[in-house]
Amino acid sequence: MASMAFWQALIIGALQGFSELFPVSSLAHTILIPYLLNWGIDQRGTNFLAFVVALHLATAIALVIYFWRDWRDVIMAFVGSFKGRQLVYDRNSKFAWLLVAGTVVVGIIGLLFEKQISKFFEDPALIWVVALFLVINGGLMLYGEYYRRRVEQGTAQPRQKVAAGQRRGDRNPGVYSYPTFQSSQMAEKNQAGFKNTEELSFVEGALVGAAQTLALIPGISRSGVTILAGLIAGLSHEEAARFAFMLATPVIGLAALLKVPELLKPEARDILGMTIAAAILAGITAYLSIRFLMKYFETKNLRPFGFYCIYVGILVLIIVQIRK
């Protein structure tokens, strides 16, 4: 880790903050950028692991800060759903339980397979595999948008489950809503036929959450595949993004907390200054990314990110072949 300069740490911190939430795979960029620039950083060392843990914690904190009102409502609704001996669904409580369903599934799968997958990709000779999965990530997003257009045009099975008389605000008691989570653009889209998040079944919520496990593979974007899963389940882009980011918050945060002991090791003290500086920068860039993306997905889609991943992945594959 001694080979990492302060300015390199800042670049990686900013890169982590931006790419963790953009659907372009932060893990792939953290691996590929040092390789492309010949930085020679030992990414398997204890110090680098501690450094990355701090960046992930900063990203999780940024997510909590941006969605703090949503988390306040979710936590209150979750606690309030335990009344007597029965679970009571009221307003935000369905959304809270969907978050639980999605988080539990990804947590179990992550604990079972994270170490094996990480060890496999530790080999520097497998840079080309990371680039290949980045191309696959882009292809998935482009196909997802293609499928979504077919659905909207009525050439695939429609997902219009919001019937007349059951729009948000005048639903029957058995249907759940969380009005504090929704913008006017989101309401218009839902009236056009998209589902609201609380209309997802627990199985659908768990499957959307489980999509995050694909991000264990460098090159596959956590936010990208989760948003894509939400789109396939019938959500609008904006609502799928919000659900994806809120699902990511406990996953990123808890994964980082489990590795906090790495920050407490004596070796980590040698890089304490640059770690703190990079983490602050990661938190700031992550917050700015969330603000941008939530506005972006009100009217736009995943296609630009899909093309970006394909182009960058192919470029890296070419560079790998040239350097052989």
Protein backbone atom coordinates (compact mmCIF):
# COMPACT_ATOMS: atom_id res chain seq x y z
CA MET A 1 0.00 0.00 0.00
CA ALA A 2 3.01 2.26 0.38
CA SER A 3 2.99 2.60 -3.39
CA MET A 4 -0.33 4.48 -3.30
CA ALA A 5 0.18 8.22 -3.37
CA PHE A 6 -2.20 10.65 -1.69
CA TRP A 7 -3.52 11.90 -5.03
CA GLN A 8 -4.15 8.32 -6.16
CA ALA A 9 -6.16 7.67 -3.00
CA LEU A 10 -8.29 10.75 -3.72
CA ILE A 11 -8.95 9.62 -7.29
CA ILE A 12 -10.02 6.16 -6.13
CA GLY A 13 -12.21 7.73 -3.43
CA ALA A 14 -13.98 9.98 -5.93
CA LEU A 15 -14.28 7.08 -8.36
CA GLN A 16 -15.85 4.88 -5.67
CA GLY A 17 -18.37 7.55 -4.73
CA PHE A 18 -19.48 8.13 -8.31
CA SER A 19 -19.39 4.60 -9.67
CA GLU A 20 -20.93 2.81 -6.67
CA LEU A 21 -24.32 4.31 -7.49
CA PHE A 22 -24.02 4.86 -11.22
CA PRO A 23 -24.91 1.60 -13.01
CA VAL A 24 -21.34 1.08 -14.27
CA SER A 25 -19.80 -1.22 -11.57
CA SER A 26 -17.62 0.53 -9.00
CA LEU A 27 -15.69 -2.68 -8.34
CA ALA A 28 -14.73 -2.97 -12.00
CA HIS A 29 -13.55 0.64 -12.12
CA THR A 30 -11.58 0.26 -8.89
CA ILE A 31 -9.76 -2.68 -10.49
CA LEU A 32 -9.45 -1.38 -14.05
CA ILE A 33 -8.34 2.22 -13.49
CA PRO A 34 -5.14 1.33 -11.55
CA TYR A 35 -4.42 -1.33 -14.18
CA LEU A 36 -4.90 1.03 -17.13
CA LEU A 37 -2.75 3.73 -15.49
CA ASN A 38 -0.05 1.27 -14.36
CA TRP A 39 -0.25 2.35 -10.73
CA GLY A 40 1.04 -0.99 -9.45
CA ILE A 41 -1.17 -0.95 -6.34
CA ASP A 42 -1.42 -4.17 -4.35
CA GLN A 43 -5.18 -4.57 -4.16
CA ARG A 44 -4.89 -7.78 -2.17
CA GLY A 45 -3.03 -6.17 0.73
CA THR A 46 -4.55 -5.58 4.17
CA ASN A 47 -4.10 -1.83 3.89
CA PHE A 48 -5.98 -1.59 0.62
CA LEU A 49 -8.87 -3.63 2.07
CA ALA A 50 -9.09 -1.25 5.03
CA PHE A 51 -9.01 1.67 2.61
CA VAL A 52 -11.90 0.25 0.55
CA VAL A 53 -13.94 -0.47 3.70
CA ALA A 54 -13.75 3.21 4.63
CA LEU A 55 -14.94 4.22 1.16
CA HIS A 56 -17.93 1.88 1.37
CA LEU A 57 -18.87 3.21 4.80
CA ALA A 58 -18.77 6.75 3.43
CA THR A 59 -21.02 5.74 0.52
CA ALA A 60 -23.54 4.13 2.89
CA ILE A 61 -23.57 7.27 5.05
CA ALA A 62 -24.25 9.40 1.97
CA LEU A 63 -27.22 7.17 1.09
CA VAL A 64 -28.63 7.50 4.62
CA ILE A 65 -28.24 11.28 4.56
CA TYR A 66 -29.99 11.65 1.20
CA PHE A 67 -32.88 9.32 2.08
CA TRP A 68 -33.05 10.17 5.80
CA ARG A 69 -36.73 11.11 5.70
CA ASP A 70 -37.56 7.90 3.88
CA TRP A 71 -35.57 5.86 6.38
CA ARG A 72 -37.26 7.63 9.28
CA ASP A 73 -40.69 6.71 7.87
CA VAL A 74 -39.60 3.16 7.03
CA ILE A 75 -38.19 2.48 10.50
CA MET A 76 -41.23 3.94 12.23
CA ALA A 77 -43.55 1.93 9.98
CA PHE A 78 -41.56 -1.25 10.54
CA VAL A 79 -41.69 -0.90 14.32
CA GLY A 80 -45.36 0.09 14.15
CA SER A 81 -46.23 -2.99 12.12
CA PHE A 82 -45.79 -5.13 15.25
CA LYS A 83 -49.06 -4.61 17.06
CA GLY A 84 -50.20 -7.27 19.43
CA ARG A 85 -49.69 -10.72 17.96
CA GLN A 86 -50.35 -9.73 14.37
CA LEU A 87 -48.38 -7.87 11.72
CA VAL A 88 -50.19 -4.72 10.64
CA TYR A 89 -49.51 -3.20 7.22
CA ASP A 90 -50.11 0.54 7.18
CA ARG A 91 -48.68 3.07 4.70
CA ASN A 92 -44.92 2.56 4.70
CA SER A 93 -44.87 -0.79 6.49
CA LYS A 94 -45.25 -2.85 3.28
CA PHE A 95 -42.31 -0.97 1.80
CA ALA A 96 -40.32 -1.65 4.98
CA TRP A 97 -41.00 -5.38 4.79
CA LEU A 98 -40.06 -5.43 1.10
CA LEU A 99 -36.70 -3.93 2.09
CA VAL A 100 -36.31 -6.63 4.72
CA ALA A 101 -37.14 -9.37 2.21
CA GLY A 102 -34.66 -8.04 -0.34
CA THR A 103 -31.89 -7.46 2.20
CA VAL A 104 -32.15 -10.86 3.89
CA VAL A 105 -31.86 -12.74 0.60
CA VAL A 106 -28.82 -10.80 -0.62
CA GLY A 107 -27.21 -11.05 2.82
CA ILE A 108 -27.46 -14.84 2.92
CA ILE A 109 -26.17 -15.30 -0.63
CA GLY A 110 -23.39 -12.78 -0.06
CA LEU A 111 -22.16 -14.49 3.10
CA LEU A 112 -22.10 -17.85 1.32
CA PHE A 113 -20.27 -16.86 -1.86
CA GLU A 114 -18.50 -13.51 -1.39
CA LYS A 115 -15.14 -14.93 -0.30
CA GLN A 116 -14.98 -17.55 -3.04
CA ILE A 117 -15.79 -15.02 -5.77
CA SER A 118 -13.36 -12.43 -4.37
CA LYS A 119 -10.50 -14.93 -4.29
CA PHE A 120 -11.18 -15.94 -7.87
CA PHE A 121 -10.91 -12.37 -9.11
CA GLU A 122 -7.80 -11.54 -7.05
CA ASP A 123 -5.59 -12.89 -9.85
CA PRO A 124 -4.31 -9.87 -11.86
CA ALA A 125 -4.26 -12.08 -14.96
CA LEU A 126 -8.07 -12.05 -14.89
CA ILE A 127 -8.38 -8.36 -15.75
CA TRP A 128 -9.86 -9.43 -19.09
CA VAL A 129 -12.64 -11.30 -17.27
CA VAL A 130 -13.57 -8.12 -15.38
CA ALA A 131 -13.70 -6.23 -18.69
CA LEU A 132 -15.82 -8.98 -20.22
CA PHE A 133 -18.35 -8.81 -17.39
CA LEU A 134 -18.47 -5.03 -17.83
CA VAL A 135 -19.54 -5.65 -21.44
CA ILE A 136 -22.12 -8.18 -20.21
CA ASN A 137 -23.38 -5.60 -17.70
CA GLY A 138 -23.93 -3.14 -20.52
CA GLY A 139 -25.68 -5.76 -22.60
CA LEU A 140 -28.05 -6.59 -19.74
CA MET A 141 -29.07 -2.95 -19.37
CA LEU A 142 -29.65 -2.52 -23.10
CA TYR A 143 -31.72 -5.71 -23.26
CA GLY A 144 -33.68 -4.64 -20.19
CA GLU A 145 -34.58 -1.34 -21.81
CA TYR A 146 -35.50 -3.14 -25.05
CA TYR A 147 -37.79 -5.51 -23.13
CA ARG A 148 -39.29 -2.58 -21.25
CA ARG A 149 -40.16 -0.80 -24.49
CA ARG A 150 -41.85 -3.96 -25.78
CA VAL A 151 -43.95 -4.07 -22.64
CA GLU A 152 -44.94 -0.42 -22.94
CA GLN A 153 -45.89 -0.98 -26.58
CA GLY A 154 -48.05 -3.96 -25.64
CA THR A 155 -45.96 -6.58 -27.48
CA ALA A 156 -45.10 -8.38 -24.24
CA GLN A 157 -47.29 -9.31 -21.29
CA PRO A 158 -48.58 -6.02 -19.84
CA ARG A 159 -47.97 -5.22 -16.20
CA GLN A 160 -50.74 -2.68 -15.69
CA LYS A 161 -52.01 -3.71 -12.30
CA VAL A 162 -53.30 -0.33 -11.15
CA ALA A 163 -57.01 -0.62 -11.89
CA ALA A 164 -59.48 2.26 -12.16
CA GLY A 165 -60.62 3.41 -8.74
CA GLN A 166 -57.39 2.13 -7.20
CA ARG A 167 -55.03 4.96 -8.09
CA ARG A 168 -52.75 6.18 -5.35
CA GLY A 169 -54.85 8.05 -2.86
CA ASP A 170 -58.21 6.26 -3.34
CA ARG A 171 -57.33 2.61 -2.89
CA ASN A 172 -59.17 0.02 -0.89
CA PRO A 173 -57.85 -0.73 2.62
CA GLY A 174 -56.14 -3.93 1.50
CA VAL A 175 -53.73 -2.11 -0.82
CA TYR A 176 -50.70 -0.35 0.60
CA SER A 177 -49.27 3.06 -0.18
CA TYR A 178 -46.41 5.25 0.99
CA PRO A 179 -47.16 8.75 -0.31
CA THR A 180 -44.13 10.32 1.33
CA PHE A 181 -41.87 8.40 -1.09
CA GLN A 182 -43.39 9.62 -4.33
CA SER A 183 -42.78 12.63 -6.57
CA SER A 184 -45.35 14.05 -8.98
CA GLN A 185 -43.48 12.53 -11.94
CA MET A 186 -43.65 9.13 -10.28
CA ALA A 187 -47.41 9.52 -9.73
CA GLU A 188 -47.94 10.33 -13.40
CA LYS A 189 -45.96 7.27 -14.46
CA ASN A 190 -47.88 5.01 -12.10
CA GLN A 191 -51.17 6.28 -13.49
CA ALA A 192 -49.80 5.31 -16.90
CA GLY A 193 -49.65 1.69 -15.76
CA PHE A 194 -46.45 1.15 -13.74
CA LYS A 195 -46.57 -0.54 -10.38
CA ASN A 196 -45.89 1.24 -7.12
CA THR A 197 -43.18 -0.41 -5.05
CA GLU A 198 -45.59 -1.49 -2.34
CA GLU A 199 -47.59 -3.39 -4.96
CA LEU A 200 -44.72 -5.83 -5.39
CA SER A 201 -45.20 -9.19 -3.72
CA PHE A 202 -42.65 -10.28 -1.13
CA VAL A 203 -41.29 -12.78 -3.62
CA GLU A 204 -40.81 -9.99 -6.17
CA GLY A 205 -39.17 -7.79 -3.55
CA ALA A 206 -36.84 -10.62 -2.55
CA LEU A 207 -35.92 -11.27 -6.19
CA VAL A 208 -35.18 -7.60 -6.81
CA GLY A 209 -32.97 -7.61 -3.72
CA ALA A 210 -31.31 -10.86 -4.76
CA ALA A 211 -30.26 -9.23 -8.04
CA GLN A 212 -27.66 -7.33 -6.01
CA THR A 213 -25.71 -10.54 -5.49
CA LEU A 214 -24.65 -10.39 -9.15
CA ALA A 215 -22.57 -7.36 -8.14
CA LEU A 216 -20.20 -9.73 -6.32
CA ILE A 217 -18.81 -10.25 -9.83
CA PRO A 218 -16.52 -7.34 -10.81
CA GLY A 219 -18.06 -5.71 -13.85
CA ILE A 220 -21.69 -6.23 -12.84
CA SER A 221 -23.26 -3.10 -11.35
CA ARG A 222 -25.25 -3.40 -8.12
CA SER A 223 -27.49 -0.44 -8.89
CA GLY A 224 -27.77 -1.41 -12.56
CA VAL A 225 -29.01 -4.96 -12.06
CA THR A 226 -31.27 -3.95 -9.16
CA ILE A 227 -32.89 -1.16 -11.17
CA LEU A 228 -33.21 -3.57 -14.08
CA ALA A 229 -34.92 -6.13 -11.83
CA GLY A 230 -37.29 -3.42 -10.62
CA LEU A 231 -38.13 -2.46 -14.19
CA ILE A 232 -38.87 -6.07 -15.10
CA ALA A 233 -41.10 -6.28 -12.01
CA GLY A 234 -43.11 -3.34 -13.38
CA LEU A 235 -41.71 -0.28 -11.60
CA SER A 236 -40.98 3.04 -13.29
CA HIS A 237 -37.33 4.04 -13.70
CA GLU A 238 -37.53 6.56 -10.87
CA GLU A 239 -39.25 4.23 -8.44
CA ALA A 240 -36.94 1.35 -9.38
CA ALA A 241 -33.94 3.60 -8.72
CA ARG A 242 -35.27 4.69 -5.33
CA PHE A 243 -35.99 1.09 -4.31
CA ALA A 244 -32.55 0.01 -5.57
CA PHE A 245 -30.71 2.73 -3.64
CA MET A 246 -32.61 2.03 -0.44
CA LEU A 247 -31.95 -1.70 -0.82
CA ALA A 248 -28.27 -0.93 -1.34
CA THR A 249 -27.97 1.14 1.85
CA PRO A 250 -28.11 -1.71 4.42
CA VAL A 251 -26.19 -4.07 2.12
CA ILE A 252 -23.28 -1.68 1.56
CA GLY A 253 -23.33 -0.46 5.16
CA LEU A 254 -23.49 -3.87 6.84
CA ALA A 255 -20.89 -5.37 4.50
CA ALA A 256 -18.53 -2.54 5.39
CA LEU A 257 -19.25 -2.81 9.12
CA LEU A 258 -18.39 -6.51 9.07
CA LYS A 259 -14.93 -5.53 7.81
CA VAL A 260 -14.38 -2.61 10.19
CA PRO A 261 -11.75 -4.67 12.11
CA GLU A 262 -9.53 -4.15 9.04
CA LEU A 263 -9.58 -0.42 9.83
CA LEU A 264 -8.40 -1.11 13.38
CA LYS A 265 -5.32 -3.10 12.44
CA PRO A 266 -1.94 -1.43 13.14
CA GLU A 267 -1.04 -1.48 9.44
CA ALA A 268 -4.08 0.67 8.63
CA ARG A 269 -2.75 3.52 10.78
CA ASP A 270 -0.04 4.17 8.20
CA ILE A 271 -2.67 5.28 5.69
CA LEU A 272 -5.13 6.88 8.13
CA GLY A 273 -4.79 10.39 6.69
CA MET A 274 -5.32 9.44 3.08
CA THR A 275 -8.09 7.02 4.04
CA ILE A 276 -10.07 9.72 5.85
CA ALA A 277 -9.57 12.21 3.01
CA ALA A 278 -10.58 9.67 0.35
CA ALA A 279 -13.61 8.56 2.40
CA ILE A 280 -14.84 12.15 2.75
CA LEU A 281 -14.47 12.64 -0.99
CA ALA A 282 -16.26 9.34 -1.65
CA GLY A 283 -19.14 10.43 0.57
CA ILE A 284 -19.48 13.80 -1.16
CA THR A 285 -19.36 12.34 -4.67
CA ALA A 286 -21.80 9.59 -3.70
CA TYR A 287 -24.29 12.16 -2.40
CA LEU A 288 -23.98 14.22 -5.59
CA SER A 289 -24.42 11.05 -7.64
CA ILE A 290 -27.66 10.17 -5.87
CA ARG A 291 -29.07 13.66 -6.43
CA PHE A 292 -28.19 13.52 -10.11
CA LEU A 293 -29.48 9.99 -10.69
CA MET A 294 -32.82 10.51 -8.94
CA LYS A 295 -33.42 13.52 -11.19
CA TYR A 296 -32.06 11.69 -14.23
CA PHE A 297 -34.37 8.68 -13.88
CA GLU A 298 -37.46 10.89 -13.76
CA THR A 299 -37.27 11.15 -17.55
CA LYS A 300 -34.37 8.99 -18.79
CA ASN A 301 -33.26 5.34 -18.81
CA LEU A 302 -30.30 2.94 -18.55
CA ARG A 303 -29.31 2.95 -22.22
CA PRO A 304 -26.43 5.49 -22.00
CA PHE A 305 -24.87 3.53 -19.15
CA GLY A 306 -25.27 0.31 -21.09
CA PHE A 307 -23.39 1.71 -24.09
CA TYR A 308 -20.71 3.16 -21.80
CA CYS A 309 -20.06 -0.22 -20.16
CA ILE A 310 -19.83 -1.98 -23.52
CA TYR A 311 -17.44 0.58 -25.01
CA VAL A 312 -15.17 0.70 -21.94
CA GLY A 313 -15.18 -3.08 -21.58
CA ILE A 314 -14.20 -3.58 -25.22
CA LEU A 315 -11.49 -0.91 -24.93
CA VAL A 316 -9.97 -2.65 -21.90
CA LEU A 317 -10.08 -6.02 -23.68
CA ILE A 318 -8.14 -4.49 -26.57
CA ILE A 319 -5.57 -2.93 -24.20
CA VAL A 320 -5.13 -6.25 -22.39
CA GLN A 321 -4.36 -7.97 -25.70
CA ILE A 322 -1.90 -5.23 -26.70
CA ARG A 323 -0.04 -5.51 -23.38
CA LYS A 324 0.40 -9.28 -23.62
